[in-house]
Amino acid sequence: MERQLDELGAELTTLVETDDATANGDARRAVEIRLPPRSYTNAGVSRLQFAERAGVGVATWTVESRKRTERLVGIPIQTTASTDRLDEPGTHRLVFVLTRSDSQRVLRVHRFKSEAAARNDHA
């Protein structure tokens, strides 16, 4: 989990440092995060959450009832109802969108949808 989150933090930091936050959220990164299942040899990750803490974006994950938190990026992360808590093992496809909220730059995290699926939602 730590390696995945280190890589995610590096990608998000690059996004924040090199792209502009726009109202329509043109600056974005699509990522895959894998929550390993519990097995005989692996404790597994039972939950992953993204949040804002003291003005920065963090990830908190739970393994065997123990929580660990890691700073990901220097601006807040905002979640949606479908991304406030990831608790199913397996691969989760997410999109982090750099935008503005109340004149502040934020990253919003959404579930990934293909362009075709997004068009069908608006039909």
PDB file of N, CA and C in Angstrom:
ATOM      1  N   MET A   1       0.825  -1.183   0.000  1.00  0.00           N
ATOM      2  CA  MET A   1       0.000   0.000   0.000  1.00  0.00           C
ATOM      3  C   MET A   1       0.874   1.253   0.000  1.00  0.00           C
ATOM      4  N   GLU A   2       1.933   1.229   0.804  1.00  0.00           N
ATOM      5  CA  GLU A   2       2.793   2.412   0.908  1.00  0.00           C
ATOM      6  C   GLU A   2       3.419   2.779  -0.433  1.00  0.00           C
ATOM      7  N   ARG A   3       3.869   1.773  -1.183  1.00  0.00           N
ATOM      8  CA  ARG A   3       4.482   2.037  -2.491  1.00  0.00           C
ATOM      9  C   ARG A   3       3.469   2.671  -3.440  1.00  0.00           C
ATOM     10  N   GLN A   4       2.257   2.118  -3.468  1.00  0.00           N
ATOM     11  CA  GLN A   4       1.213   2.681  -4.328  1.00  0.00           C
ATOM     12  C   GLN A   4       0.914   4.131  -3.960  1.00  0.00           C
ATOM     13  N   LEU A   5       0.825   4.403  -2.671  1.00  0.00           N
ATOM     14  CA  LEU A   5       0.499   5.760  -2.233  1.00  0.00           C
ATOM     15  C   LEU A   5       1.663   6.717  -2.457  1.00  0.00           C
ATOM     16  N   ASP A   6       2.897   6.239  -2.339  1.00  0.00           N
ATOM     17  CA  ASP A   6       4.054   7.079  -2.676  1.00  0.00           C
ATOM     18  C   ASP A   6       4.005   7.481  -4.148  1.00  0.00           C
ATOM     19  N   GLU A   7       3.699   6.508  -5.020  1.00  0.00           N
ATOM     20  CA  GLU A   7       3.596   6.793  -6.451  1.00  0.00           C
ATOM     21  C   GLU A   7       2.440   7.747  -6.734  1.00  0.00           C
ATOM     22  N   LEU A   8       1.299   7.535  -6.071  1.00  0.00           N
ATOM     23  CA  LEU A   8       0.155   8.420  -6.243  1.00  0.00           C
ATOM     24  C   LEU A   8       0.501   9.827  -5.779  1.00  0.00           C
ATOM     25  N   GLY A   9       1.156   9.944  -4.632  1.00  0.00           N
ATOM     26  CA  GLY A   9       1.559  11.255  -4.125  1.00  0.00           C
ATOM     27  C   GLY A   9       2.460  11.985  -5.101  1.00  0.00           C
ATOM     28  N   ALA A  10       3.402  11.273  -5.721  1.00  0.00           N
ATOM     29  CA  ALA A  10       4.296  11.890  -6.709  1.00  0.00           C
ATOM     30  C   ALA A  10       3.510  12.366  -7.926  1.00  0.00           C
ATOM     31  N   GLU A  11       2.560  11.554  -8.409  1.00  0.00           N
ATOM     32  CA  GLU A  11       1.741  11.951  -9.559  1.00  0.00           C
ATOM     33  C   GLU A  11       0.889  13.172  -9.239  1.00  0.00           C
ATOM     34  N   LEU A  12       0.273  13.185  -8.057  1.00  0.00           N
ATOM     35  CA  LEU A  12      -0.587  14.307  -7.685  1.00  0.00           C
ATOM     36  C   LEU A  12       0.225  15.575  -7.476  1.00  0.00           C
ATOM     37  N   THR A  13       1.412  15.458  -6.897  1.00  0.00           N
ATOM     38  CA  THR A  13       2.279  16.623  -6.711  1.00  0.00           C
ATOM     39  C   THR A  13       2.673  17.205  -8.057  1.00  0.00           C
ATOM     40  N   THR A  14       3.006  16.355  -9.021  1.00  0.00           N
ATOM     41  CA  THR A  14       3.334  16.830 -10.368  1.00  0.00           C
ATOM     42  C   THR A  14       2.139  17.532 -10.990  1.00  0.00           C
ATOM     43  N   LEU A  15       0.957  16.965 -10.845  1.00  0.00           N
ATOM     44  CA  LEU A  15      -0.261  17.587 -11.366  1.00  0.00           C
ATOM     45  C   LEU A  15      -0.452  18.981 -10.784  1.00  0.00           C
ATOM     46  N   VAL A  16      -0.334  19.099  -9.476  1.00  0.00           N
ATOM     47  CA  VAL A  16      -0.543  20.379  -8.792  1.00  0.00           C
ATOM     48  C   VAL A  16       0.520  21.400  -9.190  1.00  0.00           C
ATOM     49  N   GLU A  17       1.761  20.947  -9.364  1.00  0.00           N
ATOM     50  CA  GLU A  17       2.859  21.865  -9.682  1.00  0.00           C
ATOM     51  C   GLU A  17       2.894  22.289 -11.145  1.00  0.00           C
ATOM     52  N   THR A  18       2.331  21.488 -12.052  1.00  0.00           N
ATOM     53  CA  THR A  18       2.484  21.777 -13.482  1.00  0.00           C
ATOM     54  C   THR A  18       1.198  22.176 -14.190  1.00  0.00           C
ATOM     55  N   ASP A  19       0.048  21.986 -13.579  1.00  0.00           N
ATOM     56  CA  ASP A  19      -1.223  22.291 -14.236  1.00  0.00           C
ATOM     57  C   ASP A  19      -1.966  23.382 -13.483  1.00  0.00           C
ATOM     58  N   ASP A  20      -2.877  24.037 -14.207  1.00  0.00           N
ATOM     59  CA  ASP A  20      -3.713  25.076 -13.613  1.00  0.00           C
ATOM     60  C   ASP A  20      -5.046  24.480 -13.189  1.00  0.00           C
ATOM     61  N   ALA A  21      -5.539  24.948 -12.058  1.00  0.00           N
ATOM     62  CA  ALA A  21      -6.867  24.548 -11.607  1.00  0.00           C
ATOM     63  C   ALA A  21      -7.888  25.370 -12.374  1.00  0.00           C
ATOM     64  N   THR A  22      -8.791  24.703 -13.082  1.00  0.00           N
ATOM     65  CA  THR A  22      -9.820  25.394 -13.846  1.00  0.00           C
ATOM     66  C   THR A  22     -11.189  24.979 -13.338  1.00  0.00           C
ATOM     67  N   ALA A  23     -12.168  25.800 -13.634  1.00  0.00           N
ATOM     68  CA  ALA A  23     -13.526  25.512 -13.176  1.00  0.00           C
ATOM     69  C   ALA A  23     -14.065  24.212 -13.776  1.00  0.00           C
ATOM     70  N   ASN A  24     -13.668  23.903 -15.017  1.00  0.00           N
ATOM     71  CA  ASN A  24     -14.188  22.688 -15.652  1.00  0.00           C
ATOM     72  C   ASN A  24     -13.337  21.454 -15.377  1.00  0.00           C
ATOM     73  N   GLY A  25     -12.261  21.585 -14.634  1.00  0.00           N
ATOM     74  CA  GLY A  25     -11.467  20.429 -14.213  1.00  0.00           C
ATOM     75  C   GLY A  25     -10.728  19.729 -15.329  1.00  0.00           C
ATOM     76  N   ASP A  26     -10.121  20.510 -16.230  1.00  0.00           N
ATOM     77  CA  ASP A  26      -9.358  19.905 -17.329  1.00  0.00           C
ATOM     78  C   ASP A  26      -8.121  19.157 -16.848  1.00  0.00           C
ATOM     79  N   ALA A  27      -7.535  19.596 -15.747  1.00  0.00           N
ATOM     80  CA  ALA A  27      -6.314  18.960 -15.227  1.00  0.00           C
ATOM     81  C   ALA A  27      -6.720  17.775 -14.361  1.00  0.00           C
ATOM     82  N   ARG A  28      -6.315  16.580 -14.790  1.00  0.00           N
ATOM     83  CA  ARG A  28      -6.737  15.374 -14.067  1.00  0.00           C
ATOM     84  C   ARG A  28      -5.733  14.251 -14.241  1.00  0.00           C
ATOM     85  N   ARG A  29      -5.797  13.293 -13.335  1.00  0.00           N
ATOM     86  CA  ARG A  29      -4.987  12.084 -13.426  1.00  0.00           C
ATOM     87  C   ARG A  29      -5.887  10.886 -13.131  1.00  0.00           C
ATOM     88  N   ALA A  30      -5.867   9.918 -14.015  1.00  0.00           N
ATOM     89  CA  ALA A  30      -6.572   8.656 -13.788  1.00  0.00           C
ATOM     90  C   ALA A  30      -5.564   7.664 -13.209  1.00  0.00           C
ATOM     91  N   VAL A  31      -5.946   6.988 -12.146  1.00  0.00           N
ATOM     92  CA  VAL A  31      -5.040   6.060 -11.466  1.00  0.00           C
ATOM     93  C   VAL A  31      -5.789   4.780 -11.089  1.00  0.00           C
ATOM     94  N   GLU A  32      -5.020   3.742 -10.844  1.00  0.00           N
ATOM     95  CA  GLU A  32      -5.561   2.503 -10.297  1.00  0.00           C
ATOM     96  C   GLU A  32      -4.907   2.250  -8.949  1.00  0.00           C
ATOM     97  N   ILE A  33      -5.732   1.984  -7.961  1.00  0.00           N
ATOM     98  CA  ILE A  33      -5.259   1.644  -6.618  1.00  0.00           C
ATOM     99  C   ILE A  33      -5.759   0.235  -6.318  1.00  0.00           C
ATOM    100  N   ARG A  34      -4.858  -0.625  -5.900  1.00  0.00           N
ATOM    101  CA  ARG A  34      -5.235  -2.006  -5.582  1.00  0.00           C
ATOM    102  C   ARG A  34      -5.219  -2.207  -4.073  1.00  0.00           C
ATOM    103  N   LEU A  35      -6.365  -2.614  -3.536  1.00  0.00           N
ATOM    104  CA  LEU A  35      -6.446  -2.971  -2.120  1.00  0.00           C
ATOM    105  C   LEU A  35      -6.231  -4.477  -2.016  1.00  0.00           C
ATOM    106  N   PRO A  36      -5.105  -4.902  -1.438  1.00  0.00           N
ATOM    107  CA  PRO A  36      -4.838  -6.339  -1.350  1.00  0.00           C
ATOM    108  C   PRO A  36      -5.822  -7.020  -0.403  1.00  0.00           C
ATOM    109  N   PRO A  37      -6.319  -8.198  -0.791  1.00  0.00           N
ATOM    110  CA  PRO A  37      -7.245  -8.921   0.089  1.00  0.00           C
ATOM    111  C   PRO A  37      -6.500  -9.609   1.227  1.00  0.00           C
ATOM    112  N   ARG A  38      -7.238  -9.931   2.246  1.00  0.00           N
ATOM    113  CA  ARG A  38      -6.675 -10.702   3.355  1.00  0.00           C
ATOM    114  C   ARG A  38      -6.445 -12.136   2.881  1.00  0.00           C
ATOM    115  N   SER A  39      -5.300 -12.700   3.261  1.00  0.00           N
ATOM    116  CA  SER A  39      -4.985 -14.087   2.902  1.00  0.00           C
ATOM    117  C   SER A  39      -4.183 -14.700   4.049  1.00  0.00           C
ATOM    118  N   TYR A  40      -3.748 -15.926   3.860  1.00  0.00           N
ATOM    119  CA  TYR A  40      -2.943 -16.576   4.901  1.00  0.00           C
ATOM    120  C   TYR A  40      -1.603 -15.883   5.100  1.00  0.00           C
ATOM    121  N   THR A  41      -1.097 -15.256   4.060  1.00  0.00           N
ATOM    122  CA  THR A  41       0.222 -14.617   4.146  1.00  0.00           C
ATOM    123  C   THR A  41       0.172 -13.098   4.143  1.00  0.00           C
ATOM    124  N   ASN A  42      -1.018 -12.520   3.978  1.00  0.00           N
ATOM    125  CA  ASN A  42      -1.143 -11.071   3.864  1.00  0.00           C
ATOM    126  C   ASN A  42      -2.302 -10.601   4.728  1.00  0.00           C
ATOM    127  N   ALA A  43      -2.068  -9.594   5.548  1.00  0.00           N
ATOM    128  CA  ALA A  43      -3.125  -9.071   6.408  1.00  0.00           C
ATOM    129  C   ALA A  43      -4.211  -8.378   5.597  1.00  0.00           C
ATOM    130  N   GLY A  44      -3.876  -7.865   4.416  1.00  0.00           N
ATOM    131  CA  GLY A  44      -4.867  -7.182   3.587  1.00  0.00           C
ATOM    132  C   GLY A  44      -5.165  -5.784   4.089  1.00  0.00           C
ATOM    133  N   VAL A  45      -5.704  -4.979   3.209  1.00  0.00           N
ATOM    134  CA  VAL A  45      -6.131  -3.620   3.550  1.00  0.00           C
ATOM    135  C   VAL A  45      -7.648  -3.630   3.575  1.00  0.00           C
ATOM    136  N   SER A  46      -8.234  -3.301   4.719  1.00  0.00           N
ATOM    137  CA  SER A  46      -9.687  -3.358   4.829  1.00  0.00           C
ATOM    138  C   SER A  46     -10.361  -2.046   4.454  1.00  0.00           C
ATOM    139  N   ARG A  47      -9.609  -0.939   4.428  1.00  0.00           N
ATOM    140  CA  ARG A  47     -10.223   0.349   4.103  1.00  0.00           C
ATOM    141  C   ARG A  47      -9.152   1.337   3.676  1.00  0.00           C
ATOM    142  N   LEU A  48      -9.512   2.183   2.701  1.00  0.00           N
ATOM    143  CA  LEU A  48      -8.670   3.295   2.268  1.00  0.00           C
ATOM    144  C   LEU A  48      -9.557   4.514   2.151  1.00  0.00           C
ATOM    145  N   GLN A  49      -9.103   5.616   2.747  1.00  0.00           N
ATOM    146  CA  GLN A  49      -9.858   6.863   2.695  1.00  0.00           C
ATOM    147  C   GLN A  49      -8.930   8.006   2.315  1.00  0.00           C
ATOM    148  N   PHE A  50      -9.460   8.933   1.511  1.00  0.00           N
ATOM    149  CA  PHE A  50      -8.759  10.165   1.170  1.00  0.00           C
ATOM    150  C   PHE A  50      -9.461  11.297   1.898  1.00  0.00           C
ATOM    151  N   ALA A  51      -8.682  12.289   2.355  1.00  0.00           N
ATOM    152  CA  ALA A  51      -9.280  13.382   3.112  1.00  0.00           C
ATOM    153  C   ALA A  51      -8.344  14.582   3.131  1.00  0.00           C
ATOM    154  N   GLU A  52      -8.853  15.652   3.714  1.00  0.00           N
ATOM    155  CA  GLU A  52      -8.051  16.845   3.980  1.00  0.00           C
ATOM    156  C   GLU A  52      -7.725  16.856   5.463  1.00  0.00           C
ATOM    157  N   ARG A  53      -6.477  17.144   5.762  1.00  0.00           N
ATOM    158  CA  ARG A  53      -6.074  17.299   7.151  1.00  0.00           C
ATOM    159  C   ARG A  53      -5.095  18.461   7.204  1.00  0.00           C
ATOM    160  N   ALA A  54      -5.436  19.489   7.961  1.00  0.00           N
ATOM    161  CA  ALA A  54      -4.591  20.682   8.117  1.00  0.00           C
ATOM    162  C   ALA A  54      -4.223  21.292   6.762  1.00  0.00           C
ATOM    163  N   GLY A  55      -5.184  21.286   5.826  1.00  0.00           N
ATOM    164  CA  GLY A  55      -4.979  21.933   4.539  1.00  0.00           C
ATOM    165  C   GLY A  55      -4.236  21.126   3.498  1.00  0.00           C
ATOM    166  N   VAL A  56      -3.899  19.873   3.793  1.00  0.00           N
ATOM    167  CA  VAL A  56      -3.207  19.023   2.815  1.00  0.00           C
ATOM    168  C   VAL A  56      -4.032  17.754   2.573  1.00  0.00           C
ATOM    169  N   GLY A  57      -3.760  17.085   1.445  1.00  0.00           N
ATOM    170  CA  GLY A  57      -4.447  15.843   1.118  1.00  0.00           C
ATOM    171  C   GLY A  57      -3.721  14.653   1.711  1.00  0.00           C
ATOM    172  N   VAL A  58      -4.470  13.783   2.386  1.00  0.00           N
ATOM    173  CA  VAL A  58      -3.888  12.601   3.017  1.00  0.00           C
ATOM    174  C   VAL A  58      -4.663  11.351   2.606  1.00  0.00           C
ATOM    175  N   ALA A  59      -4.016  10.214   2.772  1.00  0.00           N
ATOM    176  CA  ALA A  59      -4.659   8.907   2.616  1.00  0.00           C
ATOM    177  C   ALA A  59      -4.495   8.167   3.935  1.00  0.00           C
ATOM    178  N   THR A  60      -5.577   7.540   4.383  1.00  0.00           N
ATOM    179  CA  THR A  60      -5.544   6.724   5.596  1.00  0.00           C
ATOM    180  C   THR A  60      -6.027   5.332   5.228  1.00  0.00           C
ATOM    181  N   TRP A  61      -5.243   4.315   5.600  1.00  0.00           N
ATOM    182  CA  TRP A  61      -5.649   2.950   5.312  1.00  0.00           C
ATOM    183  C   TRP A  61      -5.609   2.138   6.588  1.00  0.00           C
ATOM    184  N   THR A  62      -6.429   1.086   6.604  1.00  0.00           N
ATOM    185  CA  THR A  62      -6.580   0.250   7.789  1.00  0.00           C
ATOM    186  C   THR A  62      -6.151  -1.178   7.474  1.00  0.00           C
ATOM    187  N   VAL A  63      -5.260  -1.697   8.317  1.00  0.00           N
ATOM    188  CA  VAL A  63      -4.798  -3.082   8.238  1.00  0.00           C
ATOM    189  C   VAL A  63      -4.938  -3.667   9.637  1.00  0.00           C
ATOM    190  N   GLU A  64      -5.732  -4.738   9.762  1.00  0.00           N
ATOM    191  CA  GLU A  64      -5.937  -5.385  11.059  1.00  0.00           C
ATOM    192  C   GLU A  64      -6.270  -4.376  12.155  1.00  0.00           C
ATOM    193  N   SER A  65      -7.237  -3.529  11.907  1.00  0.00           N
ATOM    194  CA  SER A  65      -7.738  -2.524  12.856  1.00  0.00           C
ATOM    195  C   SER A  65      -6.726  -1.439  13.206  1.00  0.00           C
ATOM    196  N   ARG A  66      -5.591  -1.396  12.527  1.00  0.00           N
ATOM    197  CA  ARG A  66      -4.605  -0.336  12.762  1.00  0.00           C
ATOM    198  C   ARG A  66      -4.626   0.618  11.583  1.00  0.00           C
ATOM    199  N   LYS A  67      -4.735   1.905  11.898  1.00  0.00           N
ATOM    200  CA  LYS A  67      -4.771   2.929  10.854  1.00  0.00           C
ATOM    201  C   LYS A  67      -3.391   3.530  10.648  1.00  0.00           C
ATOM    202  N   ARG A  68      -3.087   3.813   9.378  1.00  0.00           N
ATOM    203  CA  ARG A  68      -1.862   4.528   9.009  1.00  0.00           C
ATOM    204  C   ARG A  68      -2.277   5.660   8.098  1.00  0.00           C
ATOM    205  N   THR A  69      -1.640   6.799   8.269  1.00  0.00           N
ATOM    206  CA  THR A  69      -1.952   7.970   7.451  1.00  0.00           C
ATOM    207  C   THR A  69      -0.684   8.474   6.800  1.00  0.00           C
ATOM    208  N   GLU A  70      -0.804   8.858   5.531  1.00  0.00           N
ATOM    209  CA  GLU A  70       0.327   9.377   4.768  1.00  0.00           C
ATOM    210  C   GLU A  70      -0.110  10.635   4.032  1.00  0.00           C
ATOM    211  N   ARG A  71       0.736  11.654   4.076  1.00  0.00           N
ATOM    212  CA  ARG A  71       0.486  12.880   3.319  1.00  0.00           C
ATOM    213  C   ARG A  71       0.717  12.575   1.849  1.00  0.00           C
ATOM    214  N   LEU A  72      -0.233  12.996   0.996  1.00  0.00           N
ATOM    215  CA  LEU A  72      -0.110  12.753  -0.436  1.00  0.00           C
ATOM    216  C   LEU A  72       0.280  13.997  -1.211  1.00  0.00           C
ATOM    217  N   VAL A  73      -0.356  15.127  -0.882  1.00  0.00           N
ATOM    218  CA  VAL A  73      -0.199  16.325  -1.702  1.00  0.00           C
ATOM    219  C   VAL A  73      -0.476  17.557  -0.847  1.00  0.00           C
ATOM    220  N   GLY A  74       0.103  18.690  -1.252  1.00  0.00           N
ATOM    221  CA  GLY A  74       0.034  19.906  -0.448  1.00  0.00           C
ATOM    222  C   GLY A  74      -1.238  20.720  -0.561  1.00  0.00           C
ATOM    223  N   ILE A  75      -2.295  20.173  -1.177  1.00  0.00           N
ATOM    224  CA  ILE A  75      -3.590  20.854  -1.215  1.00  0.00           C
ATOM    225  C   ILE A  75      -4.662  19.864  -0.768  1.00  0.00           C
ATOM    226  N   PRO A  76      -5.847  20.368  -0.392  1.00  0.00           N
ATOM    227  CA  PRO A  76      -6.894  19.464   0.091  1.00  0.00           C
ATOM    228  C   PRO A  76      -7.383  18.482  -0.973  1.00  0.00           C
ATOM    229  N   ILE A  77      -7.801  17.313  -0.520  1.00  0.00           N
ATOM    230  CA  ILE A  77      -8.487  16.326  -1.354  1.00  0.00           C
ATOM    231  C   ILE A  77      -9.933  16.268  -0.883  1.00  0.00           C
ATOM    232  N   GLN A  78     -10.859  16.357  -1.849  1.00  0.00           N
ATOM    233  CA  GLN A  78     -12.286  16.230  -1.553  1.00  0.00           C
ATOM    234  C   GLN A  78     -12.804  14.966  -2.220  1.00  0.00           C
ATOM    235  N   THR A  79     -13.631  14.214  -1.499  1.00  0.00           N
ATOM    236  CA  THR A  79     -14.175  12.965  -2.026  1.00  0.00           C
ATOM    237  C   THR A  79     -15.629  13.151  -2.440  1.00  0.00           C
ATOM    238  N   THR A  80     -16.155  12.142  -3.118  1.00  0.00           N
ATOM    239  CA  THR A  80     -17.575  12.070  -3.448  1.00  0.00           C
ATOM    240  C   THR A  80     -18.167  10.913  -2.652  1.00  0.00           C
ATOM    241  N   ALA A  81     -19.465  10.720  -2.770  1.00  0.00           N
ATOM    242  CA  ALA A  81     -20.108   9.623  -2.042  1.00  0.00           C
ATOM    243  C   ALA A  81     -19.509   8.268  -2.416  1.00  0.00           C
ATOM    244  N   SER A  82     -19.083   8.118  -3.673  1.00  0.00           N
ATOM    245  CA  SER A  82     -18.545   6.818  -4.099  1.00  0.00           C
ATOM    246  C   SER A  82     -17.064   6.645  -3.779  1.00  0.00           C
ATOM    247  N   THR A  83     -16.399   7.718  -3.339  1.00  0.00           N
ATOM    248  CA  THR A  83     -14.962   7.613  -3.058  1.00  0.00           C
ATOM    249  C   THR A  83     -14.595   7.998  -1.629  1.00  0.00           C
ATOM    250  N   ASP A  84     -15.595   8.226  -0.769  1.00  0.00           N
ATOM    251  CA  ASP A  84     -15.248   8.631   0.596  1.00  0.00           C
ATOM    252  C   ASP A  84     -14.620   7.496   1.387  1.00  0.00           C
ATOM    253  N   ARG A  85     -14.883   6.246   0.954  1.00  0.00           N
ATOM    254  CA  ARG A  85     -14.281   5.098   1.628  1.00  0.00           C
ATOM    255  C   ARG A  85     -14.219   3.933   0.644  1.00  0.00           C
ATOM    256  N   LEU A  86     -13.016   3.448   0.386  1.00  0.00           N
ATOM    257  CA  LEU A  86     -12.835   2.260  -0.451  1.00  0.00           C
ATOM    258  C   LEU A  86     -12.620   1.088   0.489  1.00  0.00           C
ATOM    259  N   ASP A  87     -13.514   0.112   0.448  1.00  0.00           N
ATOM    260  CA  ASP A  87     -13.388  -0.997   1.398  1.00  0.00           C
ATOM    261  C   ASP A  87     -13.569  -2.371   0.761  1.00  0.00           C
ATOM    262  N   GLU A  88     -13.545  -2.433  -0.560  1.00  0.00           N
ATOM    263  CA  GLU A  88     -13.604  -3.711  -1.262  1.00  0.00           C
ATOM    264  C   GLU A  88     -12.210  -4.065  -1.767  1.00  0.00           C
ATOM    265  N   PRO A  89     -11.748  -5.296  -1.554  1.00  0.00           N
ATOM    266  CA  PRO A  89     -10.441  -5.669  -2.105  1.00  0.00           C
ATOM    267  C   PRO A  89     -10.488  -5.661  -3.628  1.00  0.00           C
ATOM    268  N   GLY A  90      -9.332  -5.455  -4.218  1.00  0.00           N
ATOM    269  CA  GLY A  90      -9.236  -5.442  -5.670  1.00  0.00           C
ATOM    270  C   GLY A  90      -8.812  -4.080  -6.181  1.00  0.00           C
ATOM    271  N   THR A  91      -8.960  -3.894  -7.490  1.00  0.00           N
ATOM    272  CA  THR A  91      -8.497  -2.679  -8.148  1.00  0.00           C
ATOM    273  C   THR A  91      -9.612  -1.652  -8.229  1.00  0.00           C
ATOM    274  N   HIS A  92      -9.292  -0.433  -7.848  1.00  0.00           N
ATOM    275  CA  HIS A  92     -10.218   0.696  -7.908  1.00  0.00           C
ATOM    276  C   HIS A  92      -9.649   1.709  -8.888  1.00  0.00           C
ATOM    277  N   ARG A  93     -10.443   2.088  -9.884  1.00  0.00           N
ATOM    278  CA  ARG A  93     -10.018   3.076 -10.877  1.00  0.00           C
ATOM    279  C   ARG A  93     -10.587   4.428 -10.460  1.00  0.00           C
ATOM    280  N   LEU A  94      -9.685   5.375 -10.230  1.00  0.00           N
ATOM    281  CA  LEU A  94     -10.065   6.691  -9.719  1.00  0.00           C
ATOM    282  C   LEU A  94      -9.529   7.788 -10.620  1.00  0.00           C
ATOM    283  N   VAL A  95     -10.197   8.940 -10.568  1.00  0.00           N
ATOM    284  CA  VAL A  95      -9.734  10.124 -11.282  1.00  0.00           C
ATOM    285  C   VAL A  95      -9.614  11.256 -10.267  1.00  0.00           C
ATOM    286  N   PHE A  96      -8.431  11.873 -10.215  1.00  0.00           N
ATOM    287  CA  PHE A  96      -8.197  13.041  -9.372  1.00  0.00           C
ATOM    288  C   PHE A  96      -8.242  14.267 -10.275  1.00  0.00           C
ATOM    289  N   VAL A  97      -9.133  15.215  -9.966  1.00  0.00           N
ATOM    290  CA  VAL A  97      -9.361  16.398 -10.796  1.00  0.00           C
ATOM    291  C   VAL A  97      -8.909  17.630 -10.025  1.00  0.00           C
ATOM    292  N   LEU A  98      -8.024  18.419 -10.634  1.00  0.00           N
ATOM    293  CA  LEU A  98      -7.551  19.667 -10.035  1.00  0.00           C
ATOM    294  C   LEU A  98      -8.536  20.762 -10.405  1.00  0.00           C
ATOM    295  N   THR A  99      -9.154  21.374  -9.408  1.00  0.00           N
ATOM    296  CA  THR A  99     -10.164  22.399  -9.648  1.00  0.00           C
ATOM    297  C   THR A  99     -10.092  23.449  -8.547  1.00  0.00           C
ATOM    298  N   ARG A 100     -11.045  24.372  -8.559  1.00  0.00           N
ATOM    299  CA  ARG A 100     -11.113  25.405  -7.522  1.00  0.00           C
ATOM    300  C   ARG A 100     -12.428  25.285  -6.768  1.00  0.00           C
ATOM    301  N   SER A 101     -12.360  25.519  -5.466  1.00  0.00           N
ATOM    302  CA  SER A 101     -13.540  25.548  -4.613  1.00  0.00           C
ATOM    303  C   SER A 101     -13.350  26.681  -3.622  1.00  0.00           C
ATOM    304  N   ASP A 102     -14.260  27.652  -3.634  1.00  0.00           N
ATOM    305  CA  ASP A 102     -14.145  28.832  -2.762  1.00  0.00           C
ATOM    306  C   ASP A 102     -12.782  29.495  -2.921  1.00  0.00           C
ATOM    307  N   SER A 103     -12.358  29.700  -4.155  1.00  0.00           N
ATOM    308  CA  SER A 103     -11.086  30.355  -4.505  1.00  0.00           C
ATOM    309  C   SER A 103      -9.851  29.578  -4.058  1.00  0.00           C
ATOM    310  N   GLN A 104     -10.019  28.336  -3.674  1.00  0.00           N
ATOM    311  CA  GLN A 104      -8.899  27.510  -3.217  1.00  0.00           C
ATOM    312  C   GLN A 104      -8.725  26.332  -4.177  1.00  0.00           C
ATOM    313  N   ARG A 105      -7.469  25.997  -4.478  1.00  0.00           N
ATOM    314  CA  ARG A 105      -7.196  24.822  -5.313  1.00  0.00           C
ATOM    315  C   ARG A 105      -7.428  23.558  -4.500  1.00  0.00           C
ATOM    316  N   VAL A 106      -8.151  22.610  -5.092  1.00  0.00           N
ATOM    317  CA  VAL A 106      -8.435  21.332  -4.440  1.00  0.00           C
ATOM    318  C   VAL A 106      -8.347  20.216  -5.479  1.00  0.00           C
ATOM    319  N   LEU A 107      -8.150  19.009  -4.993  1.00  0.00           N
ATOM    320  CA  LEU A 107      -8.238  17.813  -5.826  1.00  0.00           C
ATOM    321  C   LEU A 107      -9.515  17.081  -5.447  1.00  0.00           C
ATOM    322  N   ARG A 108     -10.371  16.840  -6.432  1.00  0.00           N
ATOM    323  CA  ARG A 108     -11.581  16.050  -6.199  1.00  0.00           C
ATOM    324  C   ARG A 108     -11.343  14.661  -6.762  1.00  0.00           C
ATOM    325  N   VAL A 109     -11.711  13.662  -6.002  1.00  0.00           N
ATOM    326  CA  VAL A 109     -11.506  12.282  -6.452  1.00  0.00           C
ATOM    327  C   VAL A 109     -12.862  11.661  -6.780  1.00  0.00           C
ATOM    328  N   HIS A 110     -12.927  11.049  -7.963  1.00  0.00           N
ATOM    329  CA  HIS A 110     -14.142  10.407  -8.474  1.00  0.00           C
ATOM    330  C   HIS A 110     -13.808   8.990  -8.913  1.00  0.00           C
ATOM    331  N   ARG A 111     -14.825   8.165  -9.045  1.00  0.00           N
ATOM    332  CA  ARG A 111     -14.663   6.864  -9.700  1.00  0.00           C
ATOM    333  C   ARG A 111     -14.455   7.116 -11.183  1.00  0.00           C
ATOM    334  N   PHE A 112     -13.618   6.309 -11.817  1.00  0.00           N
ATOM    335  CA  PHE A 112     -13.353   6.444 -13.246  1.00  0.00           C
ATOM    336  C   PHE A 112     -14.554   5.964 -14.041  1.00  0.00           C
ATOM    337  N   LYS A 113     -14.920   6.757 -15.065  1.00  0.00           N
ATOM    338  CA  LYS A 113     -15.939   6.348 -16.031  1.00  0.00           C
ATOM    339  C   LYS A 113     -15.349   6.526 -17.409  1.00  0.00           C
ATOM    340  N   SER A 114     -15.631   5.603 -18.290  1.00  0.00           N
ATOM    341  CA  SER A 114     -15.195   5.787 -19.673  1.00  0.00           C
ATOM    342  C   SER A 114     -15.966   6.955 -20.270  1.00  0.00           C
ATOM    343  N   GLU A 115     -15.453   7.546 -21.344  1.00  0.00           N
ATOM    344  CA  GLU A 115     -16.150   8.659 -21.987  1.00  0.00           C
ATOM    345  C   GLU A 115     -17.534   8.230 -22.450  1.00  0.00           C
ATOM    346  N   ALA A 116     -17.675   7.012 -22.956  1.00  0.00           N
ATOM    347  CA  ALA A 116     -18.975   6.522 -23.414  1.00  0.00           C
ATOM    348  C   ALA A 116     -19.967   6.442 -22.254  1.00  0.00           C
ATOM    349  N   ALA A 117     -19.515   5.948 -21.108  1.00  0.00           N
ATOM    350  CA  ALA A 117     -20.397   5.864 -19.942  1.00  0.00           C
ATOM    351  C   ALA A 117     -20.789   7.247 -19.460  1.00  0.00           C
ATOM    352  N   ALA A 118     -19.849   8.183 -19.482  1.00  0.00           N
ATOM    353  CA  ALA A 118     -20.149   9.552 -19.060  1.00  0.00           C
ATOM    354  C   ALA A 118     -21.183  10.178 -19.995  1.00  0.00           C
ATOM    355  N   ARG A 119     -21.056   9.940 -21.314  1.00  0.00           N
ATOM    356  CA  ARG A 119     -22.033  10.481 -22.271  1.00  0.00           C
ATOM    357  C   ARG A 119     -23.410   9.883 -22.019  1.00  0.00           C
ATOM    358  N   ASN A 120     -23.482   8.594 -21.723  1.00  0.00           N
ATOM    359  CA  ASN A 120     -24.773   7.951 -21.475  1.00  0.00           C
ATOM    360  C   ASN A 120     -25.442   8.492 -20.226  1.00  0.00           C
ATOM    361  N   ASP A 121     -24.670   8.906 -19.235  1.00  0.00           N
ATOM    362  CA  ASP A 121     -25.245   9.496 -18.024  1.00  0.00           C
ATOM    363  C   ASP A 121     -25.939  10.811 -18.328  1.00  0.00           C
ATOM    364  N   HIS A 122     -25.473  11.514 -19.361  1.00  0.00           N
ATOM    365  CA  HIS A 122     -26.041  12.818 -19.693  1.00  0.00           C
ATOM    366  C   HIS A 122     -27.140  12.708 -20.738  1.00  0.00           C
ATOM    367  N   ALA A 123     -27.398  11.530 -21.245  1.00  0.00           N
ATOM    368  CA  ALA A 123     -28.400  11.361 -22.308  1.00  0.00           C
ATOM    369  C   ALA A 123     -29.801  11.402 -21.747  1.00  0.00           C
TER     370      ALA A 123
END
